[in-house]
Amino acid sequence: MAKPLEERKYIALLKLVGWSLEKGGVDYNLLDEKRHFLCAIKIEHAKGRKREISAASIRKTEGEFKERGWTWPPKKKLKNI
């Protein structure tokens, strides 16, 4: 079961594989290494609290990794990209 993840840690994990987050209309867009759209990511935040990636968005990211045969979370930079 996926748990919410702190935004900074999530972005650091994405950078290991060359992916990025970009502000969309309401949510954020997850982009792959070629800057192609993968899915929408929701960042939850409250006044005075840390910003976290929602559990549903973590599951989406995990699904994108599984489609490529990768493990989530990545342990080190992948060499096959």
PDB file of N, CA and C in Angstrom:
ATOM      1  N   MET A   1       0.840  -1.183   0.000  1.00  0.00           N
ATOM      2  CA  MET A   1       0.000   0.000   0.000  1.00  0.00           C
ATOM      3  C   MET A   1       0.888   1.250   0.000  1.00  0.00           C
ATOM      4  N   ALA A   2       0.584   2.150  -0.895  1.00  0.00           N
ATOM      5  CA  ALA A   2       1.383   3.373  -1.025  1.00  0.00           C
ATOM      6  C   ALA A   2       1.042   4.360   0.085  1.00  0.00           C
ATOM      7  N   LYS A   3       2.047   5.091   0.505  1.00  0.00           N
ATOM      8  CA  LYS A   3       1.878   6.128   1.524  1.00  0.00           C
ATOM      9  C   LYS A   3       2.244   7.466   0.909  1.00  0.00           C
ATOM     10  N   PRO A   4       1.683   8.561   1.435  1.00  0.00           N
ATOM     11  CA  PRO A   4       2.108   9.877   0.943  1.00  0.00           C
ATOM     12  C   PRO A   4       3.614  10.053   1.145  1.00  0.00           C
ATOM     13  N   LEU A   5       4.227  10.814   0.258  1.00  0.00           N
ATOM     14  CA  LEU A   5       5.674  11.004   0.284  1.00  0.00           C
ATOM     15  C   LEU A   5       5.970  12.495   0.223  1.00  0.00           C
ATOM     16  N   GLU A   6       6.938  12.938   0.997  1.00  0.00           N
ATOM     17  CA  GLU A   6       7.323  14.349   1.008  1.00  0.00           C
ATOM     18  C   GLU A   6       7.751  14.774  -0.392  1.00  0.00           C
ATOM     19  N   GLU A   7       7.343  15.965  -0.786  1.00  0.00           N
ATOM     20  CA  GLU A   7       7.582  16.452  -2.147  1.00  0.00           C
ATOM     21  C   GLU A   7       9.063  16.442  -2.523  1.00  0.00           C
ATOM     22  N   ARG A   8       9.926  16.925  -1.641  1.00  0.00           N
ATOM     23  CA  ARG A   8      11.360  16.985  -1.972  1.00  0.00           C
ATOM     24  C   ARG A   8      11.944  15.602  -2.222  1.00  0.00           C
ATOM     25  N   LYS A   9      11.544  14.625  -1.401  1.00  0.00           N
ATOM     26  CA  LYS A   9      12.053  13.264  -1.568  1.00  0.00           C
ATOM     27  C   LYS A   9      11.551  12.656  -2.880  1.00  0.00           C
ATOM     28  N   TYR A  10      10.280  12.902  -3.202  1.00  0.00           N
ATOM     29  CA  TYR A  10       9.679  12.404  -4.435  1.00  0.00           C
ATOM     30  C   TYR A  10      10.421  12.956  -5.657  1.00  0.00           C
ATOM     31  N   ILE A  11      10.680  14.266  -5.655  1.00  0.00           N
ATOM     32  CA  ILE A  11      11.380  14.895  -6.778  1.00  0.00           C
ATOM     33  C   ILE A  11      12.794  14.345  -6.905  1.00  0.00           C
ATOM     34  N   ALA A  12      13.455  14.097  -5.777  1.00  0.00           N
ATOM     35  CA  ALA A  12      14.812  13.521  -5.810  1.00  0.00           C
ATOM     36  C   ALA A  12      14.787  12.126  -6.441  1.00  0.00           C
ATOM     37  N   LEU A  13      13.757  11.337  -6.120  1.00  0.00           N
ATOM     38  CA  LEU A  13      13.638   9.997  -6.712  1.00  0.00           C
ATOM     39  C   LEU A  13      13.394  10.088  -8.214  1.00  0.00           C
ATOM     40  N   LEU A  14      12.578  11.050  -8.631  1.00  0.00           N
ATOM     41  CA  LEU A  14      12.312  11.222 -10.068  1.00  0.00           C
ATOM     42  C   LEU A  14      13.578  11.624 -10.826  1.00  0.00           C
ATOM     43  N   LYS A  15      14.397  12.468 -10.211  1.00  0.00           N
ATOM     44  CA  LYS A  15      15.628  12.919 -10.867  1.00  0.00           C
ATOM     45  C   LYS A  15      16.590  11.768 -11.118  1.00  0.00           C
ATOM     46  N   LEU A  16      16.509  10.714 -10.304  1.00  0.00           N
ATOM     47  CA  LEU A  16      17.386   9.557 -10.512  1.00  0.00           C
ATOM     48  C   LEU A  16      17.152   8.905 -11.869  1.00  0.00           C
ATOM     49  N   VAL A  17      15.926   8.993 -12.380  1.00  0.00           N
ATOM     50  CA  VAL A  17      15.613   8.384 -13.671  1.00  0.00           C
ATOM     51  C   VAL A  17      15.408   9.426 -14.773  1.00  0.00           C
ATOM     52  N   GLY A  18      15.634  10.701 -14.456  1.00  0.00           N
ATOM     53  CA  GLY A  18      15.527  11.753 -15.462  1.00  0.00           C
ATOM     54  C   GLY A  18      14.128  12.290 -15.666  1.00  0.00           C
ATOM     55  N   TRP A  19      13.189  11.969 -14.780  1.00  0.00           N
ATOM     56  CA  TRP A  19      11.816  12.456 -14.882  1.00  0.00           C
ATOM     57  C   TRP A  19      11.683  13.761 -14.125  1.00  0.00           C
ATOM     58  N   SER A  20      10.584  14.498 -14.379  1.00  0.00           N
ATOM     59  CA  SER A  20      10.388  15.775 -13.698  1.00  0.00           C
ATOM     60  C   SER A  20       8.907  16.053 -13.476  1.00  0.00           C
ATOM     61  N   LEU A  21       8.636  17.023 -12.616  1.00  0.00           N
ATOM     62  CA  LEU A  21       7.285  17.515 -12.358  1.00  0.00           C
ATOM     63  C   LEU A  21       7.191  18.929 -12.899  1.00  0.00           C
ATOM     64  N   GLU A  22       6.053  19.225 -13.519  1.00  0.00           N
ATOM     65  CA  GLU A  22       5.826  20.558 -14.055  1.00  0.00           C
ATOM     66  C   GLU A  22       4.417  20.988 -13.656  1.00  0.00           C
ATOM     67  N   LYS A  23       4.267  22.231 -13.247  1.00  0.00           N
ATOM     68  CA  LYS A  23       2.960  22.726 -12.835  1.00  0.00           C
ATOM     69  C   LYS A  23       2.002  22.700 -14.016  1.00  0.00           C
ATOM     70  N   GLY A  24       0.842  22.073 -13.804  1.00  0.00           N
ATOM     71  CA  GLY A  24      -0.199  22.038 -14.817  1.00  0.00           C
ATOM     72  C   GLY A  24      -1.289  23.020 -14.453  1.00  0.00           C
ATOM     73  N   GLY A  25      -2.488  22.816 -14.964  1.00  0.00           N
ATOM     74  CA  GLY A  25      -3.605  23.703 -14.668  1.00  0.00           C
ATOM     75  C   GLY A  25      -3.967  23.701 -13.196  1.00  0.00           C
ATOM     76  N   VAL A  26      -4.259  22.541 -12.654  1.00  0.00           N
ATOM     77  CA  VAL A  26      -4.622  22.405 -11.246  1.00  0.00           C
ATOM     78  C   VAL A  26      -3.584  21.562 -10.523  1.00  0.00           C
ATOM     79  N   ASP A  27      -3.265  20.425 -11.104  1.00  0.00           N
ATOM     80  CA  ASP A  27      -2.291  19.515 -10.513  1.00  0.00           C
ATOM     81  C   ASP A  27      -0.931  19.709 -11.180  1.00  0.00           C
ATOM     82  N   TYR A  28      -0.051  18.758 -10.945  1.00  0.00           N
ATOM     83  CA  TYR A  28       1.269  18.770 -11.568  1.00  0.00           C
ATOM     84  C   TYR A  28       1.325  17.662 -12.614  1.00  0.00           C
ATOM     85  N   ASN A  29       2.127  17.860 -13.643  1.00  0.00           N
ATOM     86  CA  ASN A  29       2.291  16.859 -14.691  1.00  0.00           C
ATOM     87  C   ASN A  29       3.602  16.120 -14.480  1.00  0.00           C
ATOM     88  N   LEU A  30       3.532  14.798 -14.536  1.00  0.00           N
ATOM     89  CA  LEU A  30       4.730  13.970 -14.461  1.00  0.00           C
ATOM     90  C   LEU A  30       5.226  13.773 -15.885  1.00  0.00           C
ATOM     91  N   LEU A  31       6.479  14.168 -16.122  1.00  0.00           N
ATOM     92  CA  LEU A  31       7.074  14.087 -17.463  1.00  0.00           C
ATOM     93  C   LEU A  31       8.246  13.123 -17.440  1.00  0.00           C
ATOM     94  N   ASP A  32       8.385  12.342 -18.513  1.00  0.00           N
ATOM     95  CA  ASP A  32       9.505  11.404 -18.585  1.00  0.00           C
ATOM     96  C   ASP A  32      10.764  12.120 -19.067  1.00  0.00           C
ATOM     97  N   GLU A  33      11.811  11.348 -19.313  1.00  0.00           N
ATOM     98  CA  GLU A  33      13.099  11.928 -19.700  1.00  0.00           C
ATOM     99  C   GLU A  33      13.041  12.656 -21.040  1.00  0.00           C
ATOM    100  N   LYS A  34      12.053  12.326 -21.886  1.00  0.00           N
ATOM    101  CA  LYS A  34      11.893  12.994 -23.183  1.00  0.00           C
ATOM    102  C   LYS A  34      10.853  14.107 -23.110  1.00  0.00           C
ATOM    103  N   ARG A  35      10.445  14.450 -21.885  1.00  0.00           N
ATOM    104  CA  ARG A  35       9.451  15.492 -21.611  1.00  0.00           C
ATOM    105  C   ARG A  35       8.068  15.148 -22.137  1.00  0.00           C
ATOM    106  N   HIS A  36       7.752  13.856 -22.230  1.00  0.00           N
ATOM    107  CA  HIS A  36       6.414  13.405 -22.612  1.00  0.00           C
ATOM    108  C   HIS A  36       5.565  13.245 -21.360  1.00  0.00           C
ATOM    109  N   PHE A  37       4.296  13.645 -21.460  1.00  0.00           N
ATOM    110  CA  PHE A  37       3.371  13.560 -20.338  1.00  0.00           C
ATOM    111  C   PHE A  37       3.092  12.100 -19.984  1.00  0.00           C
ATOM    112  N   LEU A  38       3.161  11.773 -18.691  1.00  0.00           N
ATOM    113  CA  LEU A  38       2.849  10.426 -18.213  1.00  0.00           C
ATOM    114  C   LEU A  38       1.525  10.395 -17.463  1.00  0.00           C
ATOM    115  N   CYS A  39       1.371  11.271 -16.470  1.00  0.00           N
ATOM    116  CA  CYS A  39       0.128  11.330 -15.696  1.00  0.00           C
ATOM    117  C   CYS A  39       0.099  12.609 -14.865  1.00  0.00           C
ATOM    118  N   ALA A  40      -1.073  12.869 -14.254  1.00  0.00           N
ATOM    119  CA  ALA A  40      -1.226  14.028 -13.376  1.00  0.00           C
ATOM    120  C   ALA A  40      -0.915  13.605 -11.947  1.00  0.00           C
ATOM    121  N   ILE A  41      -0.207  14.455 -11.234  1.00  0.00           N
ATOM    122  CA  ILE A  41       0.206  14.181  -9.853  1.00  0.00           C
ATOM    123  C   ILE A  41      -0.406  15.236  -8.949  1.00  0.00           C
ATOM    124  N   LYS A  42      -1.000  14.780  -7.846  1.00  0.00           N
ATOM    125  CA  LYS A  42      -1.621  15.696  -6.891  1.00  0.00           C
ATOM    126  C   LYS A  42      -0.701  15.908  -5.694  1.00  0.00           C
ATOM    127  N   ILE A  43      -0.465  17.177  -5.371  1.00  0.00           N
ATOM    128  CA  ILE A  43       0.340  17.524  -4.201  1.00  0.00           C
ATOM    129  C   ILE A  43      -0.609  18.090  -3.151  1.00  0.00           C
ATOM    130  N   GLU A  44      -0.620  17.441  -1.993  1.00  0.00           N
ATOM    131  CA  GLU A  44      -1.474  17.887  -0.898  1.00  0.00           C
ATOM    132  C   GLU A  44      -0.662  18.793   0.019  1.00  0.00           C
ATOM    133  N   HIS A  45      -1.290  19.855   0.475  1.00  0.00           N
ATOM    134  CA  HIS A  45      -0.616  20.738   1.421  1.00  0.00           C
ATOM    135  C   HIS A  45      -1.651  21.421   2.290  1.00  0.00           C
ATOM    136  N   ALA A  46      -1.241  21.780   3.468  1.00  0.00           N
ATOM    137  CA  ALA A  46      -2.090  22.513   4.391  1.00  0.00           C
ATOM    138  C   ALA A  46      -1.269  23.642   4.990  1.00  0.00           C
ATOM    139  N   LYS A  47      -1.923  24.582   5.569  1.00  0.00           N
ATOM    140  CA  LYS A  47      -1.243  25.734   6.147  1.00  0.00           C
ATOM    141  C   LYS A  47      -0.258  25.287   7.224  1.00  0.00           C
ATOM    142  N   GLY A  48       1.003  25.654   7.067  1.00  0.00           N
ATOM    143  CA  GLY A  48       2.020  25.331   8.060  1.00  0.00           C
ATOM    144  C   GLY A  48       2.498  23.897   8.045  1.00  0.00           C
ATOM    145  N   ARG A  49       2.110  23.117   7.048  1.00  0.00           N
ATOM    146  CA  ARG A  49       2.539  21.715   6.976  1.00  0.00           C
ATOM    147  C   ARG A  49       3.368  21.469   5.731  1.00  0.00           C
ATOM    148  N   LYS A  50       4.044  20.335   5.718  1.00  0.00           N
ATOM    149  CA  LYS A  50       4.850  19.950   4.561  1.00  0.00           C
ATOM    150  C   LYS A  50       3.947  19.644   3.374  1.00  0.00           C
ATOM    151  N   ARG A  51       4.497  19.812   2.193  1.00  0.00           N
ATOM    152  CA  ARG A  51       3.781  19.420   0.976  1.00  0.00           C
ATOM    153  C   ARG A  51       4.096  17.959   0.717  1.00  0.00           C
ATOM    154  N   GLU A  52       3.049  17.179   0.455  1.00  0.00           N
ATOM    155  CA  GLU A  52       3.217  15.744   0.219  1.00  0.00           C
ATOM    156  C   GLU A  52       2.532  15.329  -1.067  1.00  0.00           C
ATOM    157  N   ILE A  53       3.115  14.348  -1.718  1.00  0.00           N
ATOM    158  CA  ILE A  53       2.507  13.734  -2.892  1.00  0.00           C
ATOM    159  C   ILE A  53       1.463  12.754  -2.373  1.00  0.00           C
ATOM    160  N   SER A  54       0.250  12.801  -2.914  1.00  0.00           N
ATOM    161  CA  SER A  54      -0.826  11.939  -2.428  1.00  0.00           C
ATOM    162  C   SER A  54      -0.509  10.464  -2.687  1.00  0.00           C
ATOM    163  N   ALA A  55      -1.106   9.594  -1.882  1.00  0.00           N
ATOM    164  CA  ALA A  55      -0.890   8.156  -2.024  1.00  0.00           C
ATOM    165  C   ALA A  55      -1.353   7.662  -3.401  1.00  0.00           C
ATOM    166  N   ALA A  56      -2.453   8.215  -3.908  1.00  0.00           N
ATOM    167  CA  ALA A  56      -2.951   7.817  -5.228  1.00  0.00           C
ATOM    168  C   ALA A  56      -1.933   8.168  -6.320  1.00  0.00           C
ATOM    169  N   SER A  57      -1.283   9.318  -6.185  1.00  0.00           N
ATOM    170  CA  SER A  57      -0.273   9.720  -7.164  1.00  0.00           C
ATOM    171  C   SER A  57       0.983   8.857  -7.069  1.00  0.00           C
ATOM    172  N   ILE A  58       1.312   8.409  -5.866  1.00  0.00           N
ATOM    173  CA  ILE A  58       2.441   7.487  -5.702  1.00  0.00           C
ATOM    174  C   ILE A  58       2.135   6.177  -6.421  1.00  0.00           C
ATOM    175  N   ARG A  59       0.889   5.701  -6.301  1.00  0.00           N
ATOM    176  CA  ARG A  59       0.486   4.471  -7.004  1.00  0.00           C
ATOM    177  C   ARG A  59       0.571   4.644  -8.515  1.00  0.00           C
ATOM    178  N   LYS A  60       0.179   5.815  -9.021  1.00  0.00           N
ATOM    179  CA  LYS A  60       0.284   6.089 -10.467  1.00  0.00           C
ATOM    180  C   LYS A  60       1.738   6.020 -10.917  1.00  0.00           C
ATOM    181  N   THR A  61       2.614   6.641 -10.134  1.00  0.00           N
ATOM    182  CA  THR A  61       4.045   6.650 -10.463  1.00  0.00           C
ATOM    183  C   THR A  61       4.589   5.227 -10.446  1.00  0.00           C
ATOM    184  N   GLU A  62       4.205   4.472  -9.431  1.00  0.00           N
ATOM    185  CA  GLU A  62       4.646   3.078  -9.322  1.00  0.00           C
ATOM    186  C   GLU A  62       4.184   2.279 -10.541  1.00  0.00           C
ATOM    187  N   GLY A  63       2.971   2.536 -11.014  1.00  0.00           N
ATOM    188  CA  GLY A  63       2.459   1.861 -12.206  1.00  0.00           C
ATOM    189  C   GLY A  63       3.271   2.198 -13.444  1.00  0.00           C
ATOM    190  N   GLU A  64       3.658   3.459 -13.588  1.00  0.00           N
ATOM    191  CA  GLU A  64       4.491   3.874 -14.722  1.00  0.00           C
ATOM    192  C   GLU A  64       5.848   3.181 -14.676  1.00  0.00           C
ATOM    193  N   PHE A  65       6.403   3.016 -13.484  1.00  0.00           N
ATOM    194  CA  PHE A  65       7.679   2.317 -13.331  1.00  0.00           C
ATOM    195  C   PHE A  65       7.518   0.842 -13.703  1.00  0.00           C
ATOM    196  N   LYS A  66       6.437   0.200 -13.244  1.00  0.00           N
ATOM    197  CA  LYS A  66       6.214  -1.220 -13.529  1.00  0.00           C
ATOM    198  C   LYS A  66       6.037  -1.463 -15.020  1.00  0.00           C
ATOM    199  N   GLU A  67       5.386  -0.520 -15.732  1.00  0.00           N
ATOM    200  CA  GLU A  67       5.224  -0.648 -17.190  1.00  0.00           C
ATOM    201  C   GLU A  67       6.577  -0.757 -17.885  1.00  0.00           C
ATOM    202  N   ARG A  68       7.568  -0.098 -17.328  1.00  0.00           N
ATOM    203  CA  ARG A  68       8.913  -0.093 -17.910  1.00  0.00           C
ATOM    204  C   ARG A  68       9.802  -1.189 -17.349  1.00  0.00           C
ATOM    205  N   GLY A  69       9.285  -1.966 -16.396  1.00  0.00           N
ATOM    206  CA  GLY A  69      10.058  -3.042 -15.800  1.00  0.00           C
ATOM    207  C   GLY A  69      11.028  -2.561 -14.734  1.00  0.00           C
ATOM    208  N   TRP A  70      10.786  -1.367 -14.184  1.00  0.00           N
ATOM    209  CA  TRP A  70      11.639  -0.799 -13.150  1.00  0.00           C
ATOM    210  C   TRP A  70      11.004  -1.016 -11.785  1.00  0.00           C
ATOM    211  N   THR A  71      11.793  -0.884 -10.736  1.00  0.00           N
ATOM    212  CA  THR A  71      11.260  -1.002  -9.377  1.00  0.00           C
ATOM    213  C   THR A  71      11.055   0.392  -8.785  1.00  0.00           C
ATOM    214  N   TRP A  72      10.027   0.520  -7.970  1.00  0.00           N
ATOM    215  CA  TRP A  72       9.752   1.767  -7.256  1.00  0.00           C
ATOM    216  C   TRP A  72       9.943   1.523  -5.784  1.00  0.00           C
ATOM    217  N   PRO A  73      10.629   2.355  -5.049  1.00  0.00           N
ATOM    218  CA  PRO A  73      11.374   3.530  -5.502  1.00  0.00           C
ATOM    219  C   PRO A  73      12.718   3.135  -6.092  1.00  0.00           C
ATOM    220  N   PRO A  74      13.240   3.943  -7.013  1.00  0.00           N
ATOM    221  CA  PRO A  74      14.538   3.616  -7.608  1.00  0.00           C
ATOM    222  C   PRO A  74      15.646   3.721  -6.566  1.00  0.00           C
ATOM    223  N   LYS A  75      16.595   2.814  -6.633  1.00  0.00           N
ATOM    224  CA  LYS A  75      17.704   2.798  -5.685  1.00  0.00           C
ATOM    225  C   LYS A  75      18.883   3.632  -6.167  1.00  0.00           C
ATOM    226  N   LYS A  76      19.109   3.636  -7.475  1.00  0.00           N
ATOM    227  CA  LYS A  76      20.193   4.418  -8.066  1.00  0.00           C
ATOM    228  C   LYS A  76      19.825   4.744  -9.488  1.00  0.00           C
ATOM    229  N   LYS A  77      20.613   5.567 -10.135  1.00  0.00           N
ATOM    230  CA  LYS A  77      20.321   5.976 -11.507  1.00  0.00           C
ATOM    231  C   LYS A  77      20.286   4.758 -12.425  1.00  0.00           C
ATOM    232  N   LEU A  78      19.234   4.687 -13.254  1.00  0.00           N
ATOM    233  CA  LEU A  78      19.098   3.565 -14.180  1.00  0.00           C
ATOM    234  C   LEU A  78      20.009   3.779 -15.379  1.00  0.00           C
ATOM    235  N   LYS A  79      20.636   2.710 -15.826  1.00  0.00           N
ATOM    236  CA  LYS A  79      21.595   2.805 -16.939  1.00  0.00           C
ATOM    237  C   LYS A  79      20.945   2.575 -18.306  1.00  0.00           C
ATOM    238  N   ASN A  80      19.713   2.001 -18.321  1.00  0.00           N
ATOM    239  CA  ASN A  80      19.111   1.649 -19.597  1.00  0.00           C
ATOM    240  C   ASN A  80      18.228   2.754 -20.173  1.00  0.00           C
ATOM    241  N   ILE A  81      18.389   3.989 -19.679  1.00  0.00           N
ATOM    242  CA  ILE A  81      17.604   5.096 -20.267  1.00  0.00           C
ATOM    243  C   ILE A  81      18.520   6.134 -20.856  1.00  0.00           C
TER     244      ILE A  81
END
